[in-house]
Amino acid sequence: MVIDKEIKKRVAMDWQSAFPQLSLYAQDKLYKIVGLIIVGMELIKLPKTEEYRPHFVMYSLGGNRLGNNLKACLSGPIMLKEYYSKKGLQFSINYGKHGSIFNEVVDCVKEQTLISFEGDILLKKLLAILDEYSKIPPLSAGLNSYLQASLHVAKLKIALYVGIAEAQSILEQINQRN
């Protein structure tokens, strides 16, 4: 069965209604720009199924190894965190049956999202979230890994945007790595 475009559009509109602070970037991407960072949610379709999973995402607008344009910045998130049900299981939401569990999923998402999308979001809070994110698997497994290095580079760019004191602190953290 191929997912009907109208069903996907209705799913996206339901998520937009549940999180009006986020702008619909694409049918499966809801974002908010916070200074040098894009935060939001993505509804990632599962391969070979008619199901999707919501994820919290964070992208840096500071550029990466692919360049400084928007396409390059959105090529890979600096943070991708999945949401779980109250039983601790991954969501696998069938597009056709989306409406039957949507309210439960939204409750879990609001409870597990590390920031409120409402109002102003402080970049210092986003830096703290990235610090915590770096301490959980798989990032915590390789403290000197490429992923950790990429995360530190993104944090440094954010800190330079915020102010010198935060940047100096992150630069010291980077220098302590091997």
C-alpha atoms as a PDB file:
ATOM      1  CA  MET A   1       0.000   0.000   0.000  1.00  0.00           C
ATOM      2  CA  VAL A   2       1.321   3.421  -0.942  1.00  0.00           C
ATOM      3  CA  ILE A   3       0.636   6.198   1.541  1.00  0.00           C
ATOM      4  CA  ASP A   4      -1.983   8.580   0.212  1.00  0.00           C
ATOM      5  CA  LYS A   5      -0.641  12.156  -0.010  1.00  0.00           C
ATOM      6  CA  GLU A   6      -3.787  13.419   1.703  1.00  0.00           C
ATOM      7  CA  ILE A   7      -3.160  11.122   4.684  1.00  0.00           C
ATOM      8  CA  LYS A   8       0.434  12.379   4.999  1.00  0.00           C
ATOM      9  CA  LYS A   9      -0.820  15.952   4.707  1.00  0.00           C
ATOM     10  CA  ARG A  10      -3.417  15.331   7.455  1.00  0.00           C
ATOM     11  CA  VAL A  11      -0.745  13.768   9.704  1.00  0.00           C
ATOM     12  CA  ALA A  12       1.519  16.819   9.175  1.00  0.00           C
ATOM     13  CA  MET A  13      -1.354  19.202   9.911  1.00  0.00           C
ATOM     14  CA  ASP A  14      -2.176  17.305  13.137  1.00  0.00           C
ATOM     15  CA  TRP A  15       1.434  17.711  14.290  1.00  0.00           C
ATOM     16  CA  GLN A  16       1.405  21.378  13.281  1.00  0.00           C
ATOM     17  CA  SER A  17      -1.776  21.874  15.338  1.00  0.00           C
ATOM     18  CA  ALA A  18      -0.239  20.110  18.349  1.00  0.00           C
ATOM     19  CA  PHE A  19       2.928  22.263  18.108  1.00  0.00           C
ATOM     20  CA  PRO A  20       1.861  25.606  16.589  1.00  0.00           C
ATOM     21  CA  GLN A  21       5.185  27.199  17.606  1.00  0.00           C
ATOM     22  CA  LEU A  22       6.922  25.095  14.946  1.00  0.00           C
ATOM     23  CA  SER A  23       6.710  25.964  11.264  1.00  0.00           C
ATOM     24  CA  LEU A  24       6.006  23.306   8.688  1.00  0.00           C
ATOM     25  CA  TYR A  25       9.198  23.154   6.593  1.00  0.00           C
ATOM     26  CA  ALA A  26       8.128  20.056   4.667  1.00  0.00           C
ATOM     27  CA  GLN A  27       5.366  17.505   5.095  1.00  0.00           C
ATOM     28  CA  ASP A  28       7.436  15.644   7.666  1.00  0.00           C
ATOM     29  CA  LYS A  29       9.562  18.440   9.162  1.00  0.00           C
ATOM     30  CA  LEU A  30       8.494  21.033  11.754  1.00  0.00           C
ATOM     31  CA  TYR A  31      11.143  23.558  12.789  1.00  0.00           C
ATOM     32  CA  LYS A  32      11.820  26.690  14.798  1.00  0.00           C
ATOM     33  CA  ILE A  33      14.906  28.848  14.235  1.00  0.00           C
ATOM     34  CA  VAL A  34      16.745  29.850  17.406  1.00  0.00           C
ATOM     35  CA  GLY A  35      19.694  32.035  16.505  1.00  0.00           C
ATOM     36  CA  LEU A  36      22.221  29.758  14.851  1.00  0.00           C
ATOM     37  CA  ILE A  37      20.178  26.595  15.530  1.00  0.00           C
ATOM     38  CA  ILE A  38      17.128  24.950  14.040  1.00  0.00           C
ATOM     39  CA  VAL A  39      15.160  22.874  16.562  1.00  0.00           C
ATOM     40  CA  GLY A  40      12.051  20.874  15.969  1.00  0.00           C
ATOM     41  CA  MET A  41      10.600  17.556  15.047  1.00  0.00           C
ATOM     42  CA  GLU A  42      10.814  15.233  12.093  1.00  0.00           C
ATOM     43  CA  LEU A  43       8.368  12.464  11.289  1.00  0.00           C
ATOM     44  CA  ILE A  44      10.665   9.807   9.875  1.00  0.00           C
ATOM     45  CA  LYS A  45       9.031   7.186   7.668  1.00  0.00           C
ATOM     46  CA  LEU A  46      10.086   3.643   8.476  1.00  0.00           C
ATOM     47  CA  PRO A  47      11.426   1.680   5.489  1.00  0.00           C
ATOM     48  CA  LYS A  48       9.195  -0.934   3.841  1.00  0.00           C
ATOM     49  CA  THR A  49       6.221  -0.020   6.052  1.00  0.00           C
ATOM     50  CA  GLU A  50       3.432   2.518   6.181  1.00  0.00           C
ATOM     51  CA  GLU A  51       4.622   3.792   9.570  1.00  0.00           C
ATOM     52  CA  TYR A  52       6.591   6.725  10.932  1.00  0.00           C
ATOM     53  CA  ARG A  53       8.339   7.785  14.150  1.00  0.00           C
ATOM     54  CA  PRO A  54       8.599  11.300  15.586  1.00  0.00           C
ATOM     55  CA  HIS A  55      12.105  12.533  16.468  1.00  0.00           C
ATOM     56  CA  PHE A  56      13.462  15.650  18.169  1.00  0.00           C
ATOM     57  CA  VAL A  57      16.102  17.259  15.934  1.00  0.00           C
ATOM     58  CA  MET A  58      18.637  20.028  16.145  1.00  0.00           C
ATOM     59  CA  TYR A  59      20.595  21.423  13.192  1.00  0.00           C
ATOM     60  CA  SER A  60      23.369  24.010  13.139  1.00  0.00           C
ATOM     61  CA  LEU A  61      23.148  26.870  10.663  1.00  0.00           C
ATOM     62  CA  GLY A  62      26.876  27.425  11.167  1.00  0.00           C
ATOM     63  CA  GLY A  63      27.771  25.169   8.262  1.00  0.00           C
ATOM     64  CA  ASN A  64      29.560  21.838   8.155  1.00  0.00           C
ATOM     65  CA  ARG A  65      32.044  19.944   6.001  1.00  0.00           C
ATOM     66  CA  LEU A  66      29.563  20.082   3.087  1.00  0.00           C
ATOM     67  CA  GLY A  67      29.312  23.867   3.114  1.00  0.00           C
ATOM     68  CA  ASN A  68      27.482  26.832   4.614  1.00  0.00           C
ATOM     69  CA  ASN A  69      24.292  26.838   2.557  1.00  0.00           C
ATOM     70  CA  LEU A  70      20.954  25.699   3.976  1.00  0.00           C
ATOM     71  CA  LYS A  71      20.993  22.390   2.113  1.00  0.00           C
ATOM     72  CA  ALA A  72      24.394  21.515   3.572  1.00  0.00           C
ATOM     73  CA  CYS A  73      23.323  22.588   7.076  1.00  0.00           C
ATOM     74  CA  LEU A  74      20.223  20.377   6.876  1.00  0.00           C
ATOM     75  CA  SER A  75      22.181  17.402   5.504  1.00  0.00           C
ATOM     76  CA  GLY A  76      22.669  15.963   8.973  1.00  0.00           C
ATOM     77  CA  PRO A  77      21.393  16.924  12.403  1.00  0.00           C
ATOM     78  CA  ILE A  78      23.713  17.576  15.320  1.00  0.00           C
ATOM     79  CA  MET A  79      21.069  15.883  17.464  1.00  0.00           C
ATOM     80  CA  LEU A  80      18.457  13.269  16.587  1.00  0.00           C
ATOM     81  CA  LYS A  81      16.513  11.877  19.541  1.00  0.00           C
ATOM     82  CA  GLU A  82      13.683   9.411  19.282  1.00  0.00           C
ATOM     83  CA  TYR A  83      10.540   9.522  21.420  1.00  0.00           C
ATOM     84  CA  TYR A  84       9.208   6.500  23.317  1.00  0.00           C
ATOM     85  CA  SER A  85       5.828   5.296  24.524  1.00  0.00           C
ATOM     86  CA  LYS A  86       4.903   5.202  28.209  1.00  0.00           C
ATOM     87  CA  LYS A  87       5.986   1.532  28.131  1.00  0.00           C
ATOM     88  CA  GLY A  88       9.446   2.578  26.936  1.00  0.00           C
ATOM     89  CA  LEU A  89       8.954   1.257  23.411  1.00  0.00           C
ATOM     90  CA  GLN A  90       9.717   3.020  20.151  1.00  0.00           C
ATOM     91  CA  PHE A  91       6.708   4.466  18.408  1.00  0.00           C
ATOM     92  CA  SER A  92       5.754   2.922  15.082  1.00  0.00           C
ATOM     93  CA  ILE A  93       2.722   4.953  14.048  1.00  0.00           C
ATOM     94  CA  ASN A  94       0.715   3.642  11.121  1.00  0.00           C
ATOM     95  CA  TYR A  95      -0.277   6.530   8.850  1.00  0.00           C
ATOM     96  CA  GLY A  96      -3.778   5.120   8.396  1.00  0.00           C
ATOM     97  CA  LYS A  97      -4.344   4.590  12.130  1.00  0.00           C
ATOM     98  CA  HIS A  98      -2.540   7.764  13.190  1.00  0.00           C
ATOM     99  CA  GLY A  99      -5.661   9.381  14.670  1.00  0.00           C
ATOM    100  CA  SER A 100      -6.344   6.559  17.127  1.00  0.00           C
ATOM    101  CA  ILE A 101      -3.108   7.047  19.108  1.00  0.00           C
ATOM    102  CA  PHE A 102      -2.116  10.594  18.183  1.00  0.00           C
ATOM    103  CA  ASN A 103      -3.125  12.210  21.502  1.00  0.00           C
ATOM    104  CA  GLU A 104      -1.137   9.613  23.478  1.00  0.00           C
ATOM    105  CA  VAL A 105       1.908  10.166  21.246  1.00  0.00           C
ATOM    106  CA  VAL A 106       1.684  13.959  21.610  1.00  0.00           C
ATOM    107  CA  ASP A 107       1.530  13.616  25.405  1.00  0.00           C
ATOM    108  CA  CYS A 108       4.692  11.484  25.363  1.00  0.00           C
ATOM    109  CA  VAL A 109       6.445  13.889  22.987  1.00  0.00           C
ATOM    110  CA  LYS A 110       5.629  16.921  25.140  1.00  0.00           C
ATOM    111  CA  GLU A 111       6.798  15.072  28.249  1.00  0.00           C
ATOM    112  CA  GLN A 112      10.086  13.922  26.677  1.00  0.00           C
ATOM    113  CA  THR A 113      11.033  17.052  24.745  1.00  0.00           C
ATOM    114  CA  LEU A 114      13.880  18.691  26.620  1.00  0.00           C
ATOM    115  CA  ILE A 115      12.705  22.236  25.864  1.00  0.00           C
ATOM    116  CA  SER A 116       9.421  23.991  25.436  1.00  0.00           C
ATOM    117  CA  PHE A 117       8.931  25.233  21.903  1.00  0.00           C
ATOM    118  CA  GLU A 118       6.808  28.093  23.258  1.00  0.00           C
ATOM    119  CA  GLY A 119       8.335  31.524  23.591  1.00  0.00           C
ATOM    120  CA  ASP A 120      12.034  32.238  23.458  1.00  0.00           C
ATOM    121  CA  ILE A 121      14.517  29.389  23.651  1.00  0.00           C
ATOM    122  CA  LEU A 122      17.892  30.265  25.122  1.00  0.00           C
ATOM    123  CA  LEU A 123      20.956  29.109  23.212  1.00  0.00           C
ATOM    124  CA  LYS A 124      22.612  28.335  26.560  1.00  0.00           C
ATOM    125  CA  LYS A 125      19.802  25.850  27.209  1.00  0.00           C
ATOM    126  CA  LEU A 126      20.460  24.218  23.830  1.00  0.00           C
ATOM    127  CA  LEU A 127      24.162  23.931  24.703  1.00  0.00           C
ATOM    128  CA  ALA A 128      23.204  22.209  27.970  1.00  0.00           C
ATOM    129  CA  ILE A 129      20.953  19.801  26.049  1.00  0.00           C
ATOM    130  CA  LEU A 130      23.822  18.962  23.685  1.00  0.00           C
ATOM    131  CA  ASP A 131      26.097  18.327  26.691  1.00  0.00           C
ATOM    132  CA  GLU A 132      23.576  15.845  28.092  1.00  0.00           C
ATOM    133  CA  TYR A 133      23.058  14.279  24.668  1.00  0.00           C
ATOM    134  CA  SER A 134      26.810  13.634  24.360  1.00  0.00           C
ATOM    135  CA  LYS A 135      26.662  11.494  27.522  1.00  0.00           C
ATOM    136  CA  ILE A 136      24.163   8.917  26.234  1.00  0.00           C
ATOM    137  CA  PRO A 137      24.802   6.034  23.813  1.00  0.00           C
ATOM    138  CA  PRO A 138      25.973   5.880  21.108  1.00  0.00           C
ATOM    139  CA  LEU A 139      27.888   9.143  21.630  1.00  0.00           C
ATOM    140  CA  SER A 140      29.022   8.195  25.138  1.00  0.00           C
ATOM    141  CA  ALA A 141      30.709   5.054  23.787  1.00  0.00           C
ATOM    142  CA  GLY A 142      33.427   6.962  21.945  1.00  0.00           C
ATOM    143  CA  LEU A 143      34.528  10.083  23.785  1.00  0.00           C
ATOM    144  CA  ASN A 144      37.141  10.759  21.104  1.00  0.00           C
ATOM    145  CA  SER A 145      34.938   9.731  18.172  1.00  0.00           C
ATOM    146  CA  TYR A 146      34.106  11.675  15.031  1.00  0.00           C
ATOM    147  CA  LEU A 147      30.538  12.169  16.338  1.00  0.00           C
ATOM    148  CA  GLN A 148      31.812  13.715  19.574  1.00  0.00           C
ATOM    149  CA  ALA A 149      34.185  15.948  17.621  1.00  0.00           C
ATOM    150  CA  SER A 150      31.355  17.080  15.314  1.00  0.00           C
ATOM    151  CA  LEU A 151      29.172  17.822  18.322  1.00  0.00           C
ATOM    152  CA  HIS A 152      31.952  19.893  19.934  1.00  0.00           C
ATOM    153  CA  VAL A 153      32.467  21.868  16.715  1.00  0.00           C
ATOM    154  CA  ALA A 154      28.733  22.624  16.577  1.00  0.00           C
ATOM    155  CA  LYS A 155      28.759  23.637  20.254  1.00  0.00           C
ATOM    156  CA  LEU A 156      31.745  25.926  19.641  1.00  0.00           C
ATOM    157  CA  LYS A 157      29.965  27.656  16.746  1.00  0.00           C
ATOM    158  CA  ILE A 158      26.882  28.139  18.925  1.00  0.00           C
ATOM    159  CA  ALA A 159      29.027  29.447  21.770  1.00  0.00           C
ATOM    160  CA  LEU A 160      30.797  31.917  19.471  1.00  0.00           C
ATOM    161  CA  TYR A 161      27.368  33.149  18.462  1.00  0.00           C
ATOM    162  CA  VAL A 162      26.290  33.458  22.123  1.00  0.00           C
ATOM    163  CA  GLY A 163      29.430  35.011  23.557  1.00  0.00           C
ATOM    164  CA  ILE A 164      33.117  34.673  24.309  1.00  0.00           C
ATOM    165  CA  ALA A 165      32.890  33.115  27.819  1.00  0.00           C
ATOM    166  CA  GLU A 166      30.942  30.087  26.610  1.00  0.00           C
ATOM    167  CA  ALA A 167      33.237  29.685  23.601  1.00  0.00           C
ATOM    168  CA  GLN A 168      36.338  29.726  25.810  1.00  0.00           C
ATOM    169  CA  SER A 169      34.837  27.018  28.037  1.00  0.00           C
ATOM    170  CA  ILE A 170      34.025  24.774  25.068  1.00  0.00           C
ATOM    171  CA  LEU A 171      37.451  25.361  23.511  1.00  0.00           C
ATOM    172  CA  GLU A 172      38.999  24.179  26.799  1.00  0.00           C
ATOM    173  CA  GLN A 173      36.808  21.046  26.674  1.00  0.00           C
ATOM    174  CA  ILE A 174      37.989  20.373  23.110  1.00  0.00           C
ATOM    175  CA  ASN A 175      41.647  20.843  24.092  1.00  0.00           C
ATOM    176  CA  GLN A 176      41.232  18.245  26.870  1.00  0.00           C
ATOM    177  CA  ARG A 177      40.319  15.581  24.260  1.00  0.00           C
ATOM    178  CA  ASN A 178      42.909  13.404  22.623  1.00  0.00           C
END
